Amino acid sequence: MKGVVLCGGIGSRLRPITYSTAKQLIPVGNKPILFYGLEDLAAAGVVEVGMVVAPESGDEVRDAVGDGSRFGLGVTYIVQEEPLGLAHALRTALPFVAGDDVLMYLGDNLLRHGVRGVVEDFQRERPNCQILLARVDNPSAFGVVELDADGGVVRLVEKPADPPSDLALVGVYLFDHTVAEAVDAIEPSGRGELEITDAIQYLVDSGRVVKPTLVTGWWKDTGRKEDLLHANSLVLEELEHDVRGEVAGGSVRGPLRLGEQSRLVDCTIEGPVVVGDGAVLERVILGPRTAIGDGCRLTDADISESIVFADVEIHDWRLTRSVIGRGSRMFGSGPRGYCELTLGDRSEVIAE
């Protein structure tokens, strides 16, 4: 089985962060979202991965992932010149797949239990297609699946105004060689894209075996800020206490992962909290559910339920539910109350 990981898309719902960072490389728990997926593929026994990238962000993904050897993978980069849908991205990757089984994974998804179980199930049962489903509160935002009384797939609809169920397609799809026929047979949807739901519907209508599987554990599509922060919280809830830097004074309650050559001076930490390497925090109230990136400099700040990228400087601000881009600087005396901010990379905020 080969893997195809989709790393395109412009991430419009996460702007301004995604003006300068591919959405799949946004850190959750101080690790790019994409890396969790690549680790999951490797754990499932996938060795060869085709990374479908956009022209605009492909170089950034290449720089971050390299040849894939750090994950135990061999990575081939495939450029999708235009964002014409998930099925189009898969069709673009089919020469790489070369008729093998394929696991298509959306690079901005997180699955608590990974994909090893579903890969083993697919290889054992040998359906033509296997799809992962999760129950959601807002099915209109997803591809939705309707099942019959016996649990078989009847219908798939992309982002329906009137959803036939609350079962959303998780961003993991497994196919045998018949998917090539399916993506060649479908036409662009009303929004001009080749929809993966239409390709799977073609397989259903053609009498192929499409097996639905309900995910266990949590699943997050991190396409919006609130989902990104929730994913960060979920990842940090499983954090183990691991202090490799220095804690000088202050107090620590709950799990803290403190990176090498980092220093906390007179800080109050309420875990779970992760602080990267080479960071210096002085008189900071931090947490819970907060991630601070490598090389940050924070003084007299109060930050909770937030994601702070690498090399950020924050002085005398109170932040909650915020996402602060790489290299940003926040100085002066911020408002007395907590602020909820989203800042792109290298932003500067100076309060008077």
Foldseek 3Di string as FASTA:
>chain_A
DAEEEEQEDQLPQQPPASVPDRQQQADFLQGRLLVQQLLLCVVLVHAEYEYEYEPVCVVVVCVVCPQVVVSNHGYHYFYDDDCFEPLSSVLSCVVVCVQAKYKYAYSQKDAPVGCNVVSVVCVVVVFQKEWEKEFDPQQLQAWAFDADPVRATDAIDGSDPDGPHRIGTHRIMIGGSCLNVLSVPDARDPVRHSYPRSSVVVCVVVVTGYHYDYGPDDMARCSHLVRSLVSSQVVLVPDAADAQDEEAAADEADHEAEEHCEYEANEHYYEPEYEYACEYEYHEHEEYSEYHEHNEYEYCEYEYSEYEYHQEYAYQAYEYSEYHEANEYEEEHDDPDYDHYYYYHHHYHYDD
